[in-house]
Protein backbone atom coordinates (compact mmCIF):
# COMPACT_ATOMS: atom_id res chain seq x y z
CA MET A 1 71.51 19.74 -4.65
CA VAL A 2 71.48 15.90 -5.19
CA ARG A 3 69.61 15.82 -2.31
CA GLY A 4 67.01 18.39 -3.61
CA LEU A 5 66.84 16.36 -6.71
CA ARG A 6 65.94 13.15 -4.89
CA VAL A 7 63.41 14.88 -3.15
CA LYS A 8 61.60 15.84 -6.47
CA VAL A 9 61.87 12.56 -7.72
CA ILE A 10 60.48 10.98 -4.73
CA ILE A 11 57.57 13.58 -4.87
CA VAL A 12 57.00 12.91 -8.56
CA PHE A 13 56.91 9.09 -8.03
CA GLY A 14 54.58 9.51 -4.83
CA VAL A 15 52.29 11.68 -7.06
CA THR A 16 52.18 9.37 -9.93
CA LEU A 17 51.48 6.27 -7.58
CA ILE A 18 48.49 8.24 -6.14
CA VAL A 19 47.07 8.71 -9.51
CA PHE A 20 47.81 5.37 -10.50
CA LEU A 21 45.92 3.81 -7.30
CA TRP A 22 43.11 6.33 -7.79
CA LEU A 23 42.43 5.02 -11.41
CA ILE A 24 42.49 1.49 -10.32
CA SER A 25 39.94 2.09 -7.38
CA MET A 26 37.63 3.97 -10.06
CA GLN A 27 37.80 0.84 -12.48
CA SER A 28 37.14 -1.41 -9.30
CA ILE A 29 34.22 0.57 -8.37
CA GLU A 30 32.84 0.66 -11.98
CA SER A 31 33.26 -3.23 -12.23
CA TRP A 32 31.55 -3.54 -8.77
CA ARG A 33 28.89 -1.40 -10.00
CA GLN A 34 28.14 -3.26 -13.53
CA THR A 35 28.44 -6.66 -11.54
CA ASN A 36 25.57 -5.39 -8.96
CA LEU A 37 23.43 -4.07 -11.89
CA LYS A 38 23.68 -7.50 -13.34
CA GLN A 39 22.87 -9.21 -10.38
CA VAL A 40 19.53 -7.50 -9.95
CA GLY A 41 18.66 -8.35 -13.57
CA LEU A 42 19.24 -4.69 -15.07
CA HIS A 43 21.83 -3.42 -17.53
CA GLU A 44 23.50 -0.03 -17.19
CA LEU A 45 21.50 2.78 -17.72
CA PRO A 46 22.37 5.78 -19.86
CA SER A 47 24.40 8.72 -18.59
CA VAL A 48 23.33 12.04 -19.52
CA GLU A 49 25.62 12.03 -22.62
CA SER A 50 24.22 8.89 -23.80
CA PRO A 51 22.68 8.77 -27.24
CA TYR A 52 19.26 7.75 -25.40
CA ILE A 53 19.45 11.06 -23.85
CA ASP A 54 20.82 13.38 -26.13
CA PRO A 55 19.92 12.75 -29.98
CA THR A 56 22.76 14.90 -31.30
CA PHE A 57 25.41 12.41 -29.71
CA PRO A 58 27.49 10.66 -32.10
CA LYS A 59 25.63 7.35 -33.41
CA LYS A 60 29.13 5.34 -33.04
CA ASN A 61 29.08 5.62 -29.43
CA GLN A 62 25.66 4.04 -28.80
CA ASP A 63 26.81 0.85 -27.29
CA ARG A 64 26.89 1.89 -23.65
CA GLY A 65 26.61 -1.95 -22.39
CA TRP A 66 23.01 -2.25 -21.88
CA HIS A 67 20.09 -3.64 -23.64
CA GLU A 68 19.13 -1.33 -26.65
CA PRO A 69 15.10 -1.34 -26.78
CA LYS A 70 14.25 -3.61 -29.74
CA ASP A 71 11.00 -2.25 -30.36
CA GLU A 72 10.97 1.25 -32.26
CA LEU A 73 8.32 2.96 -29.83
CA ALA A 74 10.98 2.54 -26.99
CA LYS A 75 13.61 3.99 -29.29
CA HIS A 76 11.49 6.69 -30.21
CA PHE A 77 10.34 7.18 -26.48
CA LEU A 78 13.97 7.94 -25.43
CA VAL A 79 15.38 9.76 -28.45
CA THR A 80 12.40 12.01 -28.95
CA TYR A 81 11.30 12.75 -25.28
CA VAL A 82 14.39 12.26 -22.88
CA GLY A 83 16.12 15.28 -23.90
CA PRO A 84 19.16 17.03 -22.39
CA ARG A 85 18.75 18.31 -18.86
CA GLU A 86 17.15 21.67 -18.54
CA GLU A 87 19.23 24.57 -17.57
CA ASN A 88 17.50 24.91 -14.12
CA ASP A 89 17.93 21.40 -13.14
CA TYR A 90 20.55 20.20 -10.49
CA ASP A 91 23.54 18.35 -11.09
CA MET A 92 22.52 14.91 -10.04
CA THR A 93 26.02 13.80 -9.63
CA ASP A 94 26.17 15.95 -6.71
CA PRO A 95 23.55 16.27 -3.87
CA THR A 96 24.62 19.73 -3.69
CA PRO A 97 22.86 22.24 -6.09
CA ASN A 98 24.69 23.82 -8.46
CA PRO A 99 24.71 27.70 -7.68
CA LYS A 100 24.99 28.86 -11.38
CA ASN A 101 21.70 27.07 -12.60
CA LYS A 102 20.19 26.55 -8.91
CA LYS A 103 16.19 26.43 -8.92
CA PRO A 104 14.68 29.18 -6.98
CA LYS A 105 13.80 27.99 -3.57
CA PRO A 106 9.80 27.36 -3.21
CA ASN A 107 7.93 30.26 -1.18
CA TRP A 108 6.64 27.70 0.90
CA GLN A 109 7.93 24.59 2.77
CA GLY A 110 6.37 21.59 4.19
CA PHE A 111 2.71 22.30 4.84
CA THR A 112 0.65 25.17 3.46
CA GLU A 113 -2.84 26.38 3.18
CA ASP A 114 -2.91 24.33 0.08
CA THR A 115 -1.69 20.99 1.53
CA LEU A 116 -4.75 18.29 1.21
CA ARG A 117 -5.43 16.15 4.16
CA VAL A 118 -6.45 12.97 2.56
CA PHE A 119 -8.68 9.79 3.79
CA HIS A 120 -7.85 6.74 1.49
CA LEU A 121 -11.25 4.87 1.14
CA ASP A 122 -10.41 1.36 0.16
CA LEU A 123 -13.24 -0.31 -1.17
CA LYS A 124 -11.52 -3.62 -2.58
CA GLY A 125 -14.29 -6.05 -2.05
CA ALA A 126 -15.58 -4.64 1.12
CA PRO A 127 -17.92 -1.48 0.53
CA PRO A 128 -19.15 0.19 3.44
CA THR A 129 -22.70 1.17 3.42
CA LEU A 130 -23.74 4.67 2.33
CA GLU A 131 -25.52 5.27 5.75
CA TYR A 132 -22.35 4.64 7.56
CA LEU A 133 -20.09 6.83 5.34
CA ARG A 134 -22.75 9.53 5.65
CA ARG A 135 -22.01 9.37 9.54
CA LEU A 136 -18.30 9.19 9.09
CA LEU A 137 -17.59 11.86 6.65
CA PRO A 138 -18.87 14.81 8.42
CA LEU A 139 -16.76 13.64 11.53
CA LEU A 140 -13.37 13.55 9.60
CA ALA A 141 -14.35 17.13 8.00
CA THR A 142 -14.76 18.55 11.39
CA TYR A 143 -11.21 17.05 12.43
CA GLY A 144 -9.14 18.48 9.30
CA CYS A 145 -9.99 15.92 6.26
CA ASP A 146 -10.66 17.97 3.12
CA THR A 147 -9.98 15.16 0.43
CA ILE A 148 -11.12 11.50 -0.19
CA LEU A 149 -8.86 9.03 -2.25
CA ILE A 150 -11.27 6.39 -3.26
CA GLU A 151 -9.92 3.24 -4.67
CA TYR A 152 -12.85 1.49 -6.35
CA GLU A 153 -11.16 -1.53 -7.78
CA ASP A 154 -14.03 -3.99 -8.45
CA MET A 155 -16.67 -1.68 -6.57
CA PHE A 156 -17.02 0.73 -9.45
CA PRO A 157 -20.01 0.16 -11.78
CA TYR A 158 -18.42 -0.11 -15.12
CA TRP A 159 -20.71 -0.46 -18.31
CA ASP A 160 -20.72 -1.80 -21.64
CA ALA A 161 -17.60 -4.02 -22.49
CA LEU A 162 -16.18 -3.33 -18.96
CA VAL A 163 -19.36 -4.49 -17.09
CA ASN A 164 -17.84 -7.72 -15.98
CA ILE A 165 -14.96 -5.98 -13.99
CA SER A 166 -17.52 -4.64 -11.63
CA ALA A 167 -18.47 -6.94 -8.56
CA ARG A 168 -21.87 -8.08 -8.29
CA ASN A 169 -21.98 -6.05 -4.99
CA ALA A 170 -20.53 -2.98 -6.55
CA TYR A 171 -21.96 0.43 -5.84
CA LYS A 172 -24.58 1.64 -8.21
CA ARG A 173 -24.12 4.75 -10.01
CA GLN A 174 -26.70 6.78 -8.07
CA ASP A 175 -24.61 5.49 -4.82
CA ILE A 176 -21.77 7.23 -6.26
CA ARG A 177 -23.75 10.20 -7.29
CA LYS A 178 -25.07 10.64 -3.41
CA LEU A 179 -21.49 10.11 -2.02
CA LEU A 180 -20.04 12.95 -4.41
CA SER A 181 -23.02 15.21 -3.39
CA TRP A 182 -22.04 14.46 0.51
CA THR A 183 -18.54 15.31 -0.31
CA HIS A 184 -19.26 18.32 -2.05
CA ASP A 185 -21.46 19.65 0.71
CA LEU A 186 -18.83 18.96 3.15
CA GLY A 187 -16.25 20.94 1.14
CA MET A 188 -14.30 17.89 0.40
CA GLN A 189 -12.42 16.80 -3.12
CA VAL A 190 -12.51 13.44 -4.33
CA ILE A 191 -9.66 11.82 -6.11
CA PRO A 192 -10.51 8.24 -7.66
CA LEU A 193 -7.77 5.84 -8.01
CA VAL A 194 -7.76 3.38 -11.07
CA GLN A 195 -4.85 0.73 -11.33
CA THR A 196 -3.11 0.96 -14.63
CA PHE A 197 -0.12 -1.37 -14.46
CA GLY A 198 0.08 -3.69 -11.19
CA HIS A 199 -2.71 -4.65 -8.92
CA MET A 200 -4.81 -5.39 -12.01
CA GLU A 201 -6.17 -8.77 -10.65
CA HIS A 202 -9.66 -7.60 -10.51
CA VAL A 203 -9.44 -7.26 -14.32
CA LEU A 204 -7.07 -9.94 -15.50
CA LYS A 205 -8.40 -12.55 -13.46
CA LEU A 206 -11.23 -12.64 -15.89
CA ASN A 207 -11.62 -14.63 -19.18
CA ASP A 208 -12.36 -11.57 -20.92
CA TRP A 209 -9.09 -9.97 -20.20
CA LYS A 210 -6.46 -12.69 -19.46
CA HIS A 211 -4.79 -12.12 -22.76
CA LEU A 212 -3.67 -8.82 -21.57
CA ARG A 213 -1.44 -10.35 -18.44
CA GLU A 214 2.37 -9.88 -18.48
CA LEU A 215 2.60 -13.51 -17.61
CA PRO A 216 -0.32 -16.08 -18.36
CA ASP A 217 -0.31 -17.77 -14.90
CA PHE A 218 -0.37 -14.28 -13.02
CA PRO A 219 -3.28 -11.93 -13.21
CA SER A 220 -1.49 -9.10 -11.09
CA ASP A 221 0.39 -7.05 -13.89
CA LEU A 222 -0.89 -5.79 -17.40
CA CYS A 223 1.49 -6.34 -20.35
CA PRO A 224 2.47 -2.82 -21.55
CA SER A 225 3.50 -4.14 -24.90
CA ASN A 226 0.06 -5.34 -25.82
CA SER A 227 -1.82 -2.63 -27.62
CA GLY A 228 -4.86 -3.91 -26.01
CA SER A 229 -3.84 -2.64 -22.65
CA ILE A 230 -3.66 1.12 -23.27
CA GLN A 231 -7.29 0.76 -24.75
CA LEU A 232 -8.50 -1.13 -21.75
CA ILE A 233 -6.92 1.57 -19.39
CA GLU A 234 -8.32 4.51 -21.50
CA GLU A 235 -12.02 3.04 -21.29
CA MET A 236 -11.63 2.47 -17.58
CA ILE A 237 -10.32 5.87 -16.93
CA THR A 238 -13.11 7.54 -19.28
CA GLN A 239 -15.82 5.91 -17.44
CA VAL A 240 -14.44 6.60 -13.93
CA VAL A 241 -14.34 10.43 -15.07
CA MET A 242 -17.64 10.54 -16.29
CA MET A 243 -18.85 9.66 -13.16
CA HIS A 244 -16.67 12.24 -11.29
CA PRO A 245 -17.10 15.50 -13.34
CA GLY A 246 -14.80 18.26 -12.25
CA ILE A 247 -12.21 16.57 -10.55
CA LYS A 248 -8.93 17.89 -10.38
CA TYR A 249 -6.74 14.76 -9.74
CA ILE A 250 -6.83 11.21 -10.78
CA HIS A 251 -4.56 8.65 -9.03
CA ILE A 252 -3.32 5.78 -11.59
CA GLY A 253 -1.51 3.68 -9.14
CA GLY A 254 1.65 2.35 -10.65
CA ASP A 255 2.66 0.32 -7.61
CA GLU A 256 4.20 -3.13 -6.87
CA VAL A 257 4.47 -3.95 -10.52
CA ILE A 258 5.83 -7.46 -9.65
CA HIS A 259 6.57 -8.86 -13.14
CA VAL A 260 7.46 -5.77 -15.09
CA GLY A 261 9.37 -6.70 -18.37
CA ALA A 262 8.86 -10.46 -17.88
CA CYS A 263 7.00 -11.64 -20.99
CA ARG A 264 8.93 -12.13 -24.30
CA SER A 265 7.97 -8.74 -25.91
CA CYS A 266 8.76 -6.68 -22.95
CA SER A 267 11.79 -8.68 -22.00
CA ARG A 268 13.54 -6.77 -24.96
CA THR A 269 13.03 -3.48 -23.19
CA ASN A 270 15.21 -2.27 -20.03
CA PRO A 271 12.38 -2.53 -17.13
CA TRP A 272 12.84 1.31 -16.14
CA ILE A 273 12.12 2.23 -19.66
CA LEU A 274 9.32 0.03 -20.02
CA TYR A 275 7.66 1.35 -16.96
CA SER A 276 8.29 4.94 -17.53
CA LYS A 277 7.20 4.58 -21.12
CA HIS A 278 3.77 2.88 -20.03
CA ILE A 279 2.95 5.32 -17.33
CA THR A 280 3.78 8.27 -19.34
CA GLU A 281 1.55 7.04 -22.11
CA VAL A 282 -1.37 6.66 -19.97
CA ALA A 283 -0.64 9.99 -18.13
CA GLN A 284 -0.44 11.93 -21.69
CA MET A 285 -3.49 10.17 -22.70
CA ILE A 286 -5.07 11.67 -19.52
CA ARG A 287 -3.69 15.12 -19.95
CA ARG A 288 -4.82 15.17 -23.58
CA LYS A 289 -8.32 14.32 -22.90
CA TYR A 290 -8.75 16.15 -19.63
CA PRO A 291 -6.30 19.06 -19.48
CA GLU A 292 -7.39 20.41 -16.15
CA MET A 293 -6.62 16.97 -14.62
CA THR A 294 -3.34 15.89 -12.97
CA PRO A 295 -2.52 12.16 -12.75
CA ILE A 296 -0.90 10.87 -9.31
CA ILE A 297 1.34 7.72 -9.15
CA TRP A 298 2.95 6.00 -6.11
CA ASP A 299 6.53 6.25 -5.93
CA ASP A 300 7.93 2.85 -5.23
CA MET A 301 8.72 1.43 -8.83
CA MET A 302 11.18 4.52 -9.02
CA ARG A 303 13.13 4.24 -6.15
CA GLN A 304 16.05 2.25 -7.58
CA TRP A 305 16.24 4.30 -10.75
CA ASN A 306 19.34 6.10 -12.03
CA PRO A 307 19.24 9.57 -10.80
CA GLU A 308 19.93 10.63 -14.48
CA PHE A 309 17.20 8.56 -15.61
CA LEU A 310 14.56 9.88 -13.29
CA THR A 311 15.55 13.41 -13.48
CA ASN A 312 15.65 13.66 -17.48
CA ASN A 313 12.53 11.50 -17.67
CA PRO A 314 9.40 12.98 -19.44
CA LEU A 315 7.47 11.13 -16.76
CA LYS A 316 8.23 14.06 -14.42
CA ASN A 317 6.23 16.45 -16.58
CA VAL A 318 3.01 14.70 -16.77
CA VAL A 319 2.49 13.23 -13.38
CA GLU A 320 2.93 14.09 -9.57
CA VAL A 321 4.28 11.47 -7.44
CA MET A 322 3.07 9.94 -4.04
CA VAL A 323 5.61 8.73 -1.79
CA TRP A 324 4.69 6.22 0.81
CA ASP A 325 6.07 4.27 3.61
CA TYR A 326 4.37 2.51 6.43
CA VAL A 327 7.10 1.13 8.56
CA ASP A 328 10.63 2.64 8.23
CA VAL A 329 10.42 6.04 6.69
CA ASN A 330 13.81 7.29 7.77
CA ASN A 331 15.74 4.39 6.27
CA LEU A 332 13.72 3.66 3.22
CA ILE A 333 12.86 7.23 2.33
CA THR A 334 16.66 8.62 2.35
CA PRO A 335 17.69 12.13 2.02
CA MET A 336 19.29 11.32 -1.47
CA LEU A 337 16.07 10.07 -2.42
CA TRP A 338 14.11 12.82 -1.39
CA HIS A 339 16.81 15.17 -3.33
CA TRP A 340 15.95 13.26 -6.69
CA TYR A 341 12.27 13.38 -6.23
CA THR A 342 12.37 16.96 -5.49
CA ASN A 343 14.35 17.79 -8.44
CA ALA A 344 12.38 15.77 -10.67
CA PHE A 345 8.89 16.42 -9.67
CA LYS A 346 7.22 19.81 -9.23
CA ARG A 347 4.78 18.57 -6.51
CA ILE A 348 5.08 15.73 -3.84
CA TRP A 349 2.55 13.62 -2.07
CA VAL A 350 3.20 11.52 0.91
CA ALA A 351 1.33 8.63 2.52
CA SER A 352 1.25 7.09 6.14
CA ALA A 353 -1.16 4.34 7.09
CA PHE A 354 -3.89 4.51 9.51
CA LYS A 355 -4.73 0.52 8.99
CA GLY A 356 -3.78 -2.22 6.85
CA ALA A 357 -0.21 -2.02 7.03
CA ASP A 358 0.43 -4.09 10.11
CA LEU A 359 -0.44 -7.76 9.05
CA SER A 360 -2.40 -8.92 6.26
CA THR A 361 -4.82 -10.68 8.60
CA ALA A 362 -5.10 -8.12 11.39
CA ASP A 363 -8.13 -7.34 13.44
CA PHE A 364 -7.04 -3.91 14.94
CA PRO A 365 -4.58 -1.35 13.77
CA ASN A 366 -1.61 -1.09 16.21
CA LEU A 367 -2.28 2.59 17.42
CA GLU A 368 1.08 3.54 18.61
CA VAL A 369 2.68 2.15 15.44
CA ARG A 370 0.36 3.82 13.10
CA TYR A 371 0.66 7.00 15.20
CA ARG A 372 4.37 6.87 15.06
CA ASN A 373 4.41 6.40 11.31
CA THR A 374 2.63 9.69 11.03
CA LYS A 375 4.86 11.43 13.25
CA ALA A 376 8.07 9.92 11.32
CA TRP A 377 6.52 11.32 8.13
CA LEU A 378 5.92 14.89 9.79
CA LYS A 379 9.44 14.81 11.11
CA LYS A 380 10.73 13.99 7.68
CA ILE A 381 8.67 16.94 6.12
CA ASP A 382 10.01 19.25 8.49
CA ASP A 383 13.57 18.43 8.32
CA ALA A 384 13.81 18.13 4.83
CA LYS A 385 11.92 21.23 4.22
CA ILE A 386 9.95 19.82 1.29
CA PRO A 387 6.64 21.27 -0.02
CA ILE A 388 3.82 18.85 0.27
CA ALA A 389 0.84 18.71 -2.13
CA GLY A 390 -0.97 16.32 0.29
CA PHE A 391 -0.76 13.94 3.15
CA VAL A 392 -2.57 10.69 2.60
CA LEU A 393 -3.71 8.51 5.24
CA THR A 394 -4.13 5.05 3.64
CA GLY A 395 -6.37 2.37 5.11
CA TRP A 396 -6.16 -0.85 2.94
CA SER A 397 -9.07 -3.32 3.13
CA ARG A 398 -6.97 -6.20 2.03
CA TYR A 399 -3.29 -6.44 0.89
CA ASP A 400 -4.72 -7.44 -2.70
CA HIS A 401 -7.69 -8.59 -4.56
CA PHE A 402 -7.12 -12.12 -3.53
CA ALA A 403 -6.31 -11.58 -0.02
CA VAL A 404 -8.58 -11.83 2.88
CA LEU A 405 -9.86 -8.87 4.82
CA CYS A 406 -7.40 -7.21 7.22
CA GLU A 407 -8.75 -4.57 9.59
CA LEU A 408 -12.11 -3.42 9.12
CA LEU A 409 -12.84 0.40 8.51
CA PRO A 410 -15.22 1.18 11.63
CA PRO A 411 -12.95 -0.35 14.19
CA SER A 412 -10.04 1.41 12.87
CA VAL A 413 -11.78 4.91 13.18
CA PRO A 414 -9.71 5.69 16.34
CA SER A 415 -6.54 5.44 14.51
CA LEU A 416 -7.90 7.20 11.54
CA LEU A 417 -8.94 10.09 13.90
CA LEU A 418 -5.85 10.14 15.73
CA ASN A 419 -3.92 10.52 12.58
CA MET A 420 -6.08 12.98 11.00
CA ILE A 421 -5.86 15.06 13.76
CA SER A 422 -2.25 15.03 13.81
CA ILE A 423 -1.87 16.17 10.20
CA SER A 424 -4.68 18.78 10.29
CA LYS A 425 -4.27 22.31 9.71
CA LYS A 426 -5.36 23.24 13.20
CA HIS A 427 -3.10 20.74 15.10
CA VAL A 428 -0.13 19.66 12.80
CA SER A 429 2.09 21.81 14.98
CA SER A 430 0.36 20.99 18.39
CA SER A 431 2.11 18.76 21.18
CA ASP A 432 1.39 15.00 21.64
CA GLU A 433 -0.64 15.92 24.61
CA LYS A 434 -2.72 18.42 22.61
CA LYS A 435 -3.28 15.94 19.84
CA LEU A 436 -4.25 13.05 21.98
CA SER A 437 -6.83 15.45 24.18
CA VAL A 438 -8.40 16.62 20.81
CA TRP A 439 -8.76 12.84 19.80
CA LYS A 440 -10.49 11.76 23.09
CA GLU A 441 -12.92 14.62 22.51
CA ALA A 442 -13.45 13.29 18.90
CA LEU A 443 -14.16 9.84 19.89
CA LYS A 444 -16.52 11.08 22.93
CA CYS A 445 -15.30 8.70 25.37
CA PRO A 446 -16.62 8.88 29.03
CA SER A 447 -13.08 8.90 30.34
CA SER A 448 -9.94 10.61 29.07
CA SER A 449 -7.60 9.26 31.42
CA PHE A 450 -6.19 6.55 29.20
CA THR A 451 -3.14 6.80 27.08
CA LEU A 452 -1.89 4.78 23.98
CA GLU A 453 0.17 2.85 26.55
CA SER A 454 -2.83 1.99 28.87
CA LEU A 455 -4.92 0.84 25.58
CA LYS A 456 -2.50 -1.94 25.35
CA GLU A 457 -3.75 -3.23 28.54
CA ASP A 458 -7.56 -2.52 28.28
CA GLN A 459 -8.78 -2.18 24.65
CA ASN A 460 -12.13 -2.35 26.11
CA ILE A 461 -11.85 1.51 26.78
CA LEU A 462 -12.81 2.52 23.32
CA THR A 463 -16.01 0.46 23.28
CA LYS A 464 -17.49 2.89 25.55
CA CYS A 465 -16.84 5.68 23.50
CA ASP A 466 -19.35 7.16 20.85
CA TYR A 467 -17.90 7.45 17.67
CA PRO A 468 -19.02 6.02 14.01
CA GLY A 469 -17.85 2.28 14.35
CA ALA A 470 -17.63 1.80 18.19
CA GLU A 471 -20.12 -0.91 17.78
CA VAL A 472 -18.13 -2.94 15.60
CA TYR A 473 -14.99 -2.31 17.76
CA GLY A 474 -16.74 -4.07 20.48
CA ILE A 475 -17.62 -6.97 18.16
CA VAL A 476 -14.04 -7.36 16.97
CA LEU A 477 -12.72 -7.05 20.69
CA HIS A 478 -15.34 -9.83 21.70
CA TYR A 479 -14.22 -12.14 18.99
CA LEU A 480 -10.41 -11.91 19.92
CA ILE A 481 -11.65 -13.09 23.58
CA LEU A 482 -13.72 -15.90 22.06
CA LYS A 483 -10.85 -16.79 19.83
CA ALA A 484 -8.36 -16.95 22.86
CA LYS A 485 -10.72 -19.04 24.66
CA THR A 486 -11.30 -21.53 22.03
CA ASP A 487 -7.52 -21.71 21.08
CA THR A 488 -6.66 -22.51 24.74
CA LEU A 489 -9.30 -25.12 25.03
CA TYR A 490 -8.78 -26.67 21.67
CA ASP A 491 -4.72 -26.82 22.50
CA THR A 492 -5.40 -28.21 25.96
CA MET A 493 -7.62 -31.01 24.72
CA THR A 494 -5.78 -32.20 21.96
CA LYS A 495 -2.00 -31.41 22.76
CA ASN A 496 -1.75 -30.81 26.59
CA LYS A 497 -3.96 -33.91 27.59
CA ALA A 498 -3.47 -37.22 26.71
CA TRP A 499 -6.74 -38.54 25.70
CA LEU A 500 -8.18 -36.33 22.81
CA THR A 501 -4.85 -36.24 20.62
CA PRO A 502 -4.93 -37.02 17.01
CA TYR A 503 -3.61 -40.39 17.77
CA ASN A 504 -6.37 -41.32 20.29
CA VAL A 505 -9.14 -40.15 17.56
CA ASN A 506 -7.54 -41.93 14.68
CA HIS A 507 -7.09 -45.35 16.50
CA ASN A 508 -10.31 -45.10 18.54
CA PHE A 509 -8.31 -45.71 21.66
CA SER A 510 -8.77 -43.34 24.75
CA ASN A 511 -10.27 -43.36 28.39
CA ILE A 512 -13.71 -42.39 28.10
CA TRP A 513 -14.00 -41.35 31.69
CA ARG A 514 -11.20 -38.73 31.18
CA ILE A 515 -12.59 -37.73 28.05
CA VAL A 516 -16.02 -36.86 29.38
CA GLN A 517 -14.11 -35.25 32.56
CA ASP A 518 -12.20 -32.98 30.40
CA TYR A 519 -14.71 -32.05 28.02
CA THR A 520 -17.33 -31.25 30.79
CA TYR A 521 -15.06 -29.30 33.17
CA MET A 522 -13.81 -26.83 30.41
CA LYS A 523 -17.25 -26.06 29.36
CA THR A 524 -16.66 -26.94 25.42
CA TYR A 525 -20.26 -27.31 24.66
CA THR A 526 -21.09 -23.92 26.44
CA LEU A 527 -18.40 -22.10 24.51
CA LEU A 528 -19.73 -23.54 21.32
CA LEU A 529 -23.27 -22.18 22.06
CA ASP A 530 -21.63 -18.78 23.07
CA ILE A 531 -19.95 -18.42 19.61
CA ARG A 532 -22.89 -19.32 17.65
CA LYS A 533 -25.00 -16.75 19.44
CA PHE A 534 -22.16 -14.22 19.03
CA ASN A 535 -21.92 -15.15 15.40
CA ARG A 536 -25.75 -14.21 15.19
CA LEU A 537 -25.28 -10.93 16.81
CA SER A 538 -22.09 -9.85 14.78
CA LYS A 539 -24.10 -10.43 11.39
CA THR A 540 -26.83 -8.14 12.82
CA VAL A 541 -24.27 -5.44 13.87
CA LEU A 542 -21.88 -5.86 10.62
CA GLU A 543 -24.85 -5.39 8.23
CA LYS A 544 -25.28 -1.76 9.55
CA TYR A 545 -21.92 -0.90 8.26
CA PHE A 546 -21.23 -3.23 5.46
CA ASP A 547 -23.48 -5.19 2.79
CA THR A 548 -24.62 -8.83 3.58
CA TYR A 549 -21.42 -10.21 1.39
CA THR A 550 -18.90 -8.39 3.47
CA ALA A 551 -20.45 -9.37 6.69
CA ASN A 552 -20.53 -12.95 5.84
CA GLU A 553 -16.93 -12.99 4.66
CA TRP A 554 -15.71 -11.51 7.98
CA LEU A 555 -17.82 -14.28 9.91
CA GLU A 556 -16.43 -16.85 7.54
CA GLN A 557 -12.91 -15.66 7.98
CA LYS A 558 -13.03 -15.18 11.90
CA ILE A 559 -16.13 -16.96 13.56
CA SER A 560 -16.46 -20.02 11.52
CA PRO A 561 -12.92 -21.32 12.25
CA LEU A 562 -14.03 -21.14 16.01
CA ASP A 563 -17.01 -22.95 15.51
CA LYS A 564 -15.38 -25.65 13.40
CA LYS A 565 -12.80 -26.23 16.10
CA LEU A 566 -15.15 -27.03 18.69
CA GLN A 567 -17.48 -28.92 16.65
CA THR A 568 -14.44 -31.12 15.80
CA LEU A 569 -13.82 -31.83 19.40
CA GLY A 570 -17.55 -32.72 19.94
CA ASP A 571 -17.62 -35.05 17.19
CA SER A 572 -14.36 -36.55 18.16
CA VAL A 573 -15.65 -37.04 21.91
CA GLU A 574 -18.97 -38.57 20.32
CA LYS A 575 -17.09 -40.91 18.24
CA LEU A 576 -14.72 -42.15 20.98
CA LEU A 577 -18.02 -42.63 23.64
CA ASN A 578 -19.46 -45.23 21.02
CA ILE A 579 -16.38 -47.49 21.62
CA SER A 580 -16.99 -50.11 24.34
CA ILE A 581 -14.20 -52.81 23.28
CA TRP A 582 -10.58 -51.92 22.43
CA PRO A 583 -7.74 -53.99 20.92
CA ARG A 584 -4.82 -55.60 22.25
CA ARG A 585 -1.56 -53.82 21.67
CA PRO A 586 0.02 -53.22 19.08
CA ILE A 587 -2.82 -50.98 17.98
CA PRO A 588 -3.67 -51.21 14.14
């Protein structure tokens, strides 16, 4: 009996010890969580029971260890609009849906007849000619494209108080009408994209609007606390919608807001609340003025949100989300993130990239990497069984308003077609071999024996094809050949040989015979003449596809540095050839 009593005491002691250790571990985890939140500059966000979520919660329990919004509008936003979870919402504390109040499964998963296949046309400072678009769009329509997402930026013809936002080489109103007429005839939808928070450099760089910057020195982000901000956005959207009658969607950006919550007024409010309040206000304004229109936003600013904050946020009721990733879909777009998004939003869009995602100064898209990116998204969609409203192929012209051009659109058409075929209704379920076969047919190549692997060794194959842009593909490829020759020659003359280094030139001290021999042997002047001839040819070709300003910009970024390098060599040689007497050492 004594032995039995001892066993019971040991059991009770053991259970007590386990419970004690569990409580200690929970406190440690909470302490660790709070520390990490502070390290990234965020305060604890409200739980579902917080007064900022449920207005009936006792007022004395309002202090949850995070910044209470100082402005009344933010308080009103949370208390009024962020209500308790709906009965059909999942419990976000557990990724497994609650069987008692589980949402009904959608009657379709992944791609459907309604899923849009979208070509992103980024006009940012590099508008293609209408003649070129008239050649390109029918080809895209043939191979599955049914929607164009047009990011005008400074290429939209704003008027009245907004007229200075437009670049001097922006499209005219009649240009947009022509473009919309063509897309209508092809059965394509158009979705205009108007930035409304971040990436506002094209507006905030101007003296007219600099007072709306979040930080005075940085024109990238709009200050949501300034009453003039929403007025500006409303007028921009109003003008864009007027030029696009009957549209079903408008993309309002919302990505990469670098300095959210940085100014004195905004810093009083939690950044998550600040962001969601501003985007919600913009979206509600759109829905109020245009009830038939649905706003879309990029997802990246929401990826670190607390699940409760996301699923109980009024933002989910007024926008659809476009989830983008161009590099590592599986690691960045996690199953848990999918769960949050699908629980919060009724419809989800996804986006890979056919160009503008490998290097900010790239000349060609990496075909293999871009194709792999799209395939990763297709697998993600298939594995997660997520209903997809649209699949977007983005094609950035430059990484932001101030960046130089990355890949041009015409030489990126092979990548665009390959990825469009991959997501098309007709071929989305086809094998890689079938997709590549259709791709070669679309490019109208004389030979179909090449592969993505063989293109790494011989890119010249695609210059022999007959697609809208093959001519520019050849120009870019020849530029890379000239660049390689120029860089090799320049490095040989100024680094690998000892008579035309910066030291020789600076001190007028070199062996003239060696200089003449090297300069002549390497045919430096001949290469310089080739580059200047190529510059003239390139300008003629590029102006078939872009306006003069864009053509000149590309030439200045790519060809002019080659000319300057060789001209510098020639000037240095000429300078040293004029020296006939040299000083004794040490050289002054």
